[in-house]
Every structure is written in structure tokens, then in C-alpha cells.
């Protein structure tokens, strides 16, 4: 298991000593965010043509559940809703390969997203981004959904920088 984590860049090994969690630099996070933005923009563009009514309903239910948790004062659960929202979106693209790539990128960002979305204001802004994405998908607006994804992921990157790096 540790070897897999090392291969994915999560831990570093030291011969005859052991392993430690790898410290990631902002430039690495920035790079992953930009790659993720490109991949999810492509996924959203494809999803405009391929998304099913059931997937649209799943996205709506996701937003409702996430909003309810925020209103209850439990923003820490948003990390799960956020991951599920993006998973549904990428699955709607119809590309298994793109789904696997996006899942890998999200794994790399997980710890930094946790620090960011535990802040209620970050979760609220992310939900607003999800609502914009869902609206553009319902309208089958390819350009609009691409812009909504870019705006949403740019916000996420700013939030990660603010909460996971500047306050560390």
C-alpha cells in the first residue's frame, strides 16, 4: 500500500528509515488545478451532448443535500458532495478514460480541498458554482458550461491557496 502511495506521489520513501507524507508545493497544486480545469472543461463540453435526465436529477439532488448540510452548519461534509458532483459530471461525459484521469487528480488535491471547504464561505461559493454548471447543462449551453467550470475551478484554486497555504 505504501508503494502505491509513493508511486502516486503522496509519500516519500527513505531507505532503511521508512516513509513520510510528501510536502507539496504551491506550484504543484497550481499545476494540478490547471490540468484538472482542462480535463473537467472537456468533460463538461461532452456532457452537454450526452447527459441523461437521471444524471441531471442526480446533480440537483447533490446540490440540495450539500446546501442542507451547509444550512445545518456542517460544511465539513461538503467535501463528499463536491467530489460526488464532479464525479457525476465527468461520468456524464461518457468517457471512462477521462473519468479515471479526473479521479486521480482529485485524489492528489484531497488534503488541500479538505482544508479549504471546511470553511462555510468556501462551500457556499462552491455550491453557487455547481448551480451555474447545472444550469448551463440543463440549457445544453456548451460555451456557458465551459465558462462555469473554469470560474468554479478558479475559485477552488484561490480557496485552496488561501486556506491551505497562506494559513499553514
C-alpha atoms as a PDB file:
ATOM      1  CA  UNK A   1       0.000   0.000   0.000  1.00  0.00           C
ATOM      2  CA  UNK A   2       2.813   2.418   0.821  1.00  0.00           C
ATOM      3  CA  UNK A   3       4.451   1.642  -2.511  1.00  0.00           C
ATOM      4  CA  UNK A   4       1.237   2.637  -4.318  1.00  0.00           C
ATOM      5  CA  UNK A   5       1.091   5.878  -2.325  1.00  0.00           C
ATOM      6  CA  UNK A   6       4.710   6.528  -3.252  1.00  0.00           C
ATOM      7  CA  UNK A   7       4.007   5.863  -6.946  1.00  0.00           C
ATOM      8  CA  UNK A   8       1.133   8.355  -6.818  1.00  0.00           C
ATOM      9  CA  UNK A   9       3.352  10.977  -5.170  1.00  0.00           C
ATOM     10  CA  UNK A  10       1.690  11.025  -1.744  1.00  0.00           C
ATOM     11  CA  UNK A  11       4.620   9.704   0.301  1.00  0.00           C
ATOM     12  CA  UNK A  12       8.399   9.644   0.045  1.00  0.00           C
ATOM     13  CA  UNK A  13      10.477   6.614   0.975  1.00  0.00           C
ATOM     14  CA  UNK A  14      13.787   6.740   2.763  1.00  0.00           C
ATOM     15  CA  UNK A  15      15.822   3.510   2.567  1.00  0.00           C
ATOM     16  CA  UNK A  16      16.244   1.800   5.946  1.00  0.00           C
ATOM     17  CA  UNK A  17      14.238   4.597   7.605  1.00  0.00           C
ATOM     18  CA  UNK A  18      10.662   4.437   6.348  1.00  0.00           C
ATOM     19  CA  UNK A  19       8.107   6.697   4.701  1.00  0.00           C
ATOM     20  CA  UNK A  20       6.784  10.178   5.283  1.00  0.00           C
ATOM     21  CA  UNK A  21       3.956  12.185   3.755  1.00  0.00           C
ATOM     22  CA  UNK A  22       5.316  14.264   0.907  1.00  0.00           C
ATOM     23  CA  UNK A  23       5.070  18.009   1.354  1.00  0.00           C
ATOM     24  CA  UNK A  24       3.550  19.510  -1.753  1.00  0.00           C
ATOM     25  CA  UNK A  25       4.474  22.923  -3.063  1.00  0.00           C
ATOM     26  CA  UNK A  26       2.061  25.570  -4.335  1.00  0.00           C
ATOM     27  CA  UNK A  27       3.420  25.315  -7.883  1.00  0.00           C
ATOM     28  CA  UNK A  28       2.499  21.606  -7.876  1.00  0.00           C
ATOM     29  CA  UNK A  29      -1.025  22.373  -6.645  1.00  0.00           C
ATOM     30  CA  UNK A  30      -1.374  25.140  -9.232  1.00  0.00           C
ATOM     31  CA  UNK A  31      -0.306  22.747 -11.985  1.00  0.00           C
ATOM     32  CA  UNK A  32      -2.767  20.055 -10.859  1.00  0.00           C
ATOM     33  CA  UNK A  33      -5.576  22.640 -10.682  1.00  0.00           C
ATOM     34  CA  UNK A  34      -4.885  23.816 -14.233  1.00  0.00           C
ATOM     35  CA  UNK A  35      -4.773  20.252 -15.583  1.00  0.00           C
ATOM     36  CA  UNK A  36      -7.996  19.463 -13.729  1.00  0.00           C
ATOM     37  CA  UNK A  37      -9.628  22.573 -15.198  1.00  0.00           C
ATOM     38  CA  UNK A  38      -8.734  21.475 -18.730  1.00  0.00           C
ATOM     39  CA  UNK A  39      -9.996  17.938 -18.172  1.00  0.00           C
ATOM     40  CA  UNK A  40     -13.245  18.941 -16.483  1.00  0.00           C
ATOM     41  CA  UNK A  41     -13.911  21.601 -19.120  1.00  0.00           C
ATOM     42  CA  UNK A  42     -13.642  18.871 -21.752  1.00  0.00           C
ATOM     43  CA  UNK A  43     -15.866  16.586 -19.673  1.00  0.00           C
ATOM     44  CA  UNK A  44     -18.493  19.319 -19.321  1.00  0.00           C
ATOM     45  CA  UNK A  45     -18.439  20.047 -23.062  1.00  0.00           C
ATOM     46  CA  UNK A  46     -19.039  16.358 -23.815  1.00  0.00           C
ATOM     47  CA  UNK A  47     -21.650  16.111 -21.057  1.00  0.00           C
ATOM     48  CA  UNK A  48     -23.734  18.867 -22.689  1.00  0.00           C
ATOM     49  CA  UNK A  49     -24.437  16.438 -25.533  1.00  0.00           C
ATOM     50  CA  UNK A  50     -24.591  13.208 -23.529  1.00  0.00           C
ATOM     51  CA  UNK A  51     -26.033  13.935 -20.082  1.00  0.00           C
ATOM     52  CA  UNK A  52     -29.172  11.986 -19.242  1.00  0.00           C
ATOM     53  CA  UNK A  53     -32.244  13.259 -17.392  1.00  0.00           C
ATOM     54  CA  UNK A  54     -31.293  10.940 -14.492  1.00  0.00           C
ATOM     55  CA  UNK A  55     -27.808  12.473 -14.271  1.00  0.00           C
ATOM     56  CA  UNK A  56     -29.340  15.959 -14.203  1.00  0.00           C
ATOM     57  CA  UNK A  57     -31.599  14.806 -11.358  1.00  0.00           C
ATOM     58  CA  UNK A  58     -28.582  13.342  -9.528  1.00  0.00           C
ATOM     59  CA  UNK A  59     -26.736  16.658  -9.813  1.00  0.00           C
ATOM     60  CA  UNK A  60     -29.795  18.518  -8.492  1.00  0.00           C
ATOM     61  CA  UNK A  61     -30.171  16.137  -5.530  1.00  0.00           C
ATOM     62  CA  UNK A  62     -26.477  16.544  -4.804  1.00  0.00           C
ATOM     63  CA  UNK A  63     -26.868  20.333  -4.678  1.00  0.00           C
ATOM     64  CA  UNK A  64     -29.887  20.074  -2.398  1.00  0.00           C
ATOM     65  CA  UNK A  65     -28.086  17.751   0.034  1.00  0.00           C
ATOM     66  CA  UNK A  66     -24.942  19.896   0.059  1.00  0.00           C
ATOM     67  CA  UNK A  67     -26.979  23.043   0.665  1.00  0.00           C
ATOM     68  CA  UNK A  68     -28.863  21.344   3.517  1.00  0.00           C
ATOM     69  CA  UNK A  69     -25.584  20.388   5.197  1.00  0.00           C
ATOM     70  CA  UNK A  70     -24.290  23.945   4.916  1.00  0.00           C
ATOM     71  CA  UNK A  71     -27.536  25.294   6.384  1.00  0.00           C
ATOM     72  CA  UNK A  72     -27.232  22.779   9.264  1.00  0.00           C
ATOM     73  CA  UNK A  73     -23.767  24.113   9.984  1.00  0.00           C
ATOM     74  CA  UNK A  74     -21.866  21.050   8.782  1.00  0.00           C
ATOM     75  CA  UNK A  75     -19.674  22.348   5.924  1.00  0.00           C
ATOM     76  CA  UNK A  76     -17.144  19.552   6.536  1.00  0.00           C
ATOM     77  CA  UNK A  77     -19.488  17.140   4.714  1.00  0.00           C
ATOM     78  CA  UNK A  78     -19.258  19.310   1.611  1.00  0.00           C
ATOM     79  CA  UNK A  79     -16.014  17.625   0.541  1.00  0.00           C
ATOM     80  CA  UNK A  80     -18.035  14.454  -0.169  1.00  0.00           C
ATOM     81  CA  UNK A  81     -20.798  16.297  -2.014  1.00  0.00           C
ATOM     82  CA  UNK A  82     -18.218  18.207  -4.051  1.00  0.00           C
ATOM     83  CA  UNK A  83     -16.418  15.015  -5.093  1.00  0.00           C
ATOM     84  CA  UNK A  84     -19.750  13.363  -5.980  1.00  0.00           C
ATOM     85  CA  UNK A  85     -20.887  16.361  -8.046  1.00  0.00           C
ATOM     86  CA  UNK A  86     -17.717  16.329 -10.131  1.00  0.00           C
ATOM     87  CA  UNK A  87     -17.840  12.535 -10.456  1.00  0.00           C
ATOM     88  CA  UNK A  88     -21.410  12.671 -11.827  1.00  0.00           C
ATOM     89  CA  UNK A  89     -20.414  15.450 -14.220  1.00  0.00           C
ATOM     90  CA  UNK A  90     -17.394  13.601 -15.588  1.00  0.00           C
ATOM     91  CA  UNK A  91     -19.341  10.318 -15.865  1.00  0.00           C
ATOM     92  CA  UNK A  92     -21.924  12.207 -17.932  1.00  0.00           C
ATOM     93  CA  UNK A  93     -19.169  12.906 -20.479  1.00  0.00           C
ATOM     94  CA  UNK A  94     -19.320   9.238 -21.416  1.00  0.00           C
ATOM     95  CA  UNK A  95     -15.529   8.831 -21.234  1.00  0.00           C
ATOM     96  CA  UNK A  96     -14.203   6.215 -18.829  1.00  0.00           C
ATOM     97  CA  UNK A  97     -10.622   7.287 -19.547  1.00  0.00           C
ATOM     98  CA  UNK A  98     -11.371  10.917 -18.700  1.00  0.00           C
ATOM     99  CA  UNK A  99     -13.152   9.777 -15.524  1.00  0.00           C
ATOM    100  CA  UNK A 100     -10.071   7.844 -14.380  1.00  0.00           C
ATOM    101  CA  UNK A 101      -7.775  10.809 -15.071  1.00  0.00           C
ATOM    102  CA  UNK A 102     -10.054  13.209 -13.172  1.00  0.00           C
ATOM    103  CA  UNK A 103     -10.336  10.819 -10.224  1.00  0.00           C
ATOM    104  CA  UNK A 104      -6.548  10.654  -9.998  1.00  0.00           C
ATOM    105  CA  UNK A 105      -6.232  14.432  -9.982  1.00  0.00           C
ATOM    106  CA  UNK A 106      -8.897  14.758  -7.281  1.00  0.00           C
ATOM    107  CA  UNK A 107      -7.011  12.247  -5.113  1.00  0.00           C
ATOM    108  CA  UNK A 108      -3.942  14.470  -5.334  1.00  0.00           C
ATOM    109  CA  UNK A 109      -5.965  17.506  -4.244  1.00  0.00           C
ATOM    110  CA  UNK A 110      -7.925  15.836  -1.446  1.00  0.00           C
ATOM    111  CA  UNK A 111      -5.989  17.089   1.592  1.00  0.00           C
ATOM    112  CA  UNK A 112      -5.902  20.646   0.310  1.00  0.00           C
ATOM    113  CA  UNK A 113      -9.597  20.635  -0.546  1.00  0.00           C
ATOM    114  CA  UNK A 114     -10.412  19.475   2.992  1.00  0.00           C
ATOM    115  CA  UNK A 115      -8.648  22.490   4.500  1.00  0.00           C
ATOM    116  CA  UNK A 116     -10.421  24.774   2.052  1.00  0.00           C
ATOM    117  CA  UNK A 117     -14.025  23.548   2.151  1.00  0.00           C
ATOM    118  CA  UNK A 118     -14.239  23.265   5.916  1.00  0.00           C
ATOM    119  CA  UNK A 119     -14.804  26.995   5.667  1.00  0.00           C
ATOM    120  CA  UNK A 120     -18.541  27.583   5.197  1.00  0.00           C
ATOM    121  CA  UNK A 121     -17.998  30.579   2.916  1.00  0.00           C
ATOM    122  CA  UNK A 122     -15.868  28.451   0.566  1.00  0.00           C
ATOM    123  CA  UNK A 123     -18.508  25.730   0.467  1.00  0.00           C
ATOM    124  CA  UNK A 124     -21.275  28.265  -0.243  1.00  0.00           C
ATOM    125  CA  UNK A 125     -19.332  29.745  -3.163  1.00  0.00           C
ATOM    126  CA  UNK A 126     -18.622  26.254  -4.485  1.00  0.00           C
ATOM    127  CA  UNK A 127     -22.333  25.402  -4.353  1.00  0.00           C
ATOM    128  CA  UNK A 128     -23.085  28.560  -6.320  1.00  0.00           C
ATOM    129  CA  UNK A 129     -20.544  27.372  -8.892  1.00  0.00           C
ATOM    130  CA  UNK A 130     -22.217  23.970  -9.037  1.00  0.00           C
ATOM    131  CA  UNK A 131     -25.593  25.641  -9.558  1.00  0.00           C
ATOM    132  CA  UNK A 132     -24.194  27.630 -12.502  1.00  0.00           C
ATOM    133  CA  UNK A 133     -22.736  24.454 -14.024  1.00  0.00           C
ATOM    134  CA  UNK A 134     -26.028  22.590 -13.633  1.00  0.00           C
ATOM    135  CA  UNK A 135     -27.995  25.461 -15.175  1.00  0.00           C
ATOM    136  CA  UNK A 136     -25.739  25.507 -18.254  1.00  0.00           C
ATOM    137  CA  UNK A 137     -26.004  21.718 -18.583  1.00  0.00           C
ATOM    138  CA  UNK A 138     -29.806  21.893 -18.463  1.00  0.00           C
ATOM    139  CA  UNK A 139     -29.719  24.573 -21.176  1.00  0.00           C
ATOM    140  CA  UNK A 140     -27.301  22.440 -23.249  1.00  0.00           C
ATOM    141  CA  UNK A 141     -25.061  25.530 -23.379  1.00  0.00           C
ATOM    142  CA  UNK A 142     -21.561  24.241 -24.208  1.00  0.00           C
ATOM    143  CA  UNK A 143     -19.803  27.605 -24.019  1.00  0.00           C
ATOM    144  CA  UNK A 144     -21.684  28.557 -20.859  1.00  0.00           C
ATOM    145  CA  UNK A 145     -20.849  25.293 -19.083  1.00  0.00           C
ATOM    146  CA  UNK A 146     -17.173  25.601 -20.025  1.00  0.00           C
ATOM    147  CA  UNK A 147     -17.091  29.116 -18.580  1.00  0.00           C
ATOM    148  CA  UNK A 148     -18.950  27.974 -15.449  1.00  0.00           C
ATOM    149  CA  UNK A 149     -16.442  25.134 -14.896  1.00  0.00           C
ATOM    150  CA  UNK A 150     -13.480  27.468 -15.370  1.00  0.00           C
ATOM    151  CA  UNK A 151     -14.933  30.042 -12.959  1.00  0.00           C
ATOM    152  CA  UNK A 152     -15.763  27.359 -10.393  1.00  0.00           C
ATOM    153  CA  UNK A 153     -12.336  25.710 -10.500  1.00  0.00           C
ATOM    154  CA  UNK A 154     -10.559  29.085 -10.446  1.00  0.00           C
ATOM    155  CA  UNK A 155     -12.483  29.854  -7.245  1.00  0.00           C
ATOM    156  CA  UNK A 156     -11.489  26.458  -5.826  1.00  0.00           C
ATOM    157  CA  UNK A 157      -7.832  27.154  -6.577  1.00  0.00           C
ATOM    158  CA  UNK A 158      -7.981  30.563  -4.885  1.00  0.00           C
ATOM    159  CA  UNK A 159      -9.693  28.991  -1.881  1.00  0.00           C
ATOM    160  CA  UNK A 160      -7.052  26.273  -1.604  1.00  0.00           C
ATOM    161  CA  UNK A 161      -4.284  28.843  -1.795  1.00  0.00           C
ATOM    162  CA  UNK A 162      -5.910  30.990   0.875  1.00  0.00           C
ATOM    163  CA  UNK A 163      -6.818  28.243   3.326  1.00  0.00           C
ATOM    164  CA  UNK A 164      -4.250  25.508   2.746  1.00  0.00           C
ATOM    165  CA  UNK A 165      -1.115  27.519   2.063  1.00  0.00           C
ATOM    166  CA  UNK A 166      -1.334  31.041   3.423  1.00  0.00           C
ATOM    167  CA  UNK A 167      -2.549  29.897   6.837  1.00  0.00           C
ATOM    168  CA  UNK A 168      -0.220  26.892   7.166  1.00  0.00           C
END
